[in-house]
Protein backbone atom coordinates (compact mmCIF):
# COMPACT_ATOMS: atom_id res chain seq x y z
CA MET A 1 5.00 -15.63 -49.73
CA PHE A 2 5.92 -14.63 -46.18
CA SER A 3 2.27 -13.87 -45.43
CA ASN A 4 1.34 -17.53 -45.87
CA CYS A 5 4.31 -18.57 -43.73
CA LEU A 6 3.34 -16.23 -40.91
CA ILE A 7 -0.17 -17.71 -40.90
CA ARG A 8 1.35 -21.10 -40.09
CA GLY A 9 3.12 -19.62 -37.09
CA ARG A 10 5.75 -21.84 -35.52
CA THR A 11 5.94 -24.02 -38.63
CA PHE A 12 7.56 -21.04 -40.38
CA THR A 13 10.28 -20.79 -37.73
CA ILE A 14 10.96 -24.53 -37.92
CA ASN A 15 11.24 -24.70 -41.72
CA PRO A 16 11.06 -21.23 -43.30
CA MET A 17 12.32 -22.49 -46.66
CA ARG A 18 9.78 -25.29 -46.77
CA TYR A 19 6.77 -23.12 -45.92
CA GLY A 20 8.20 -19.96 -47.46
């Protein structure tokens, strides 16, 4: 789960729940 979020980069920090 988090792996995919980290790939996004800043998007993860903006909306971790949405991309997580």
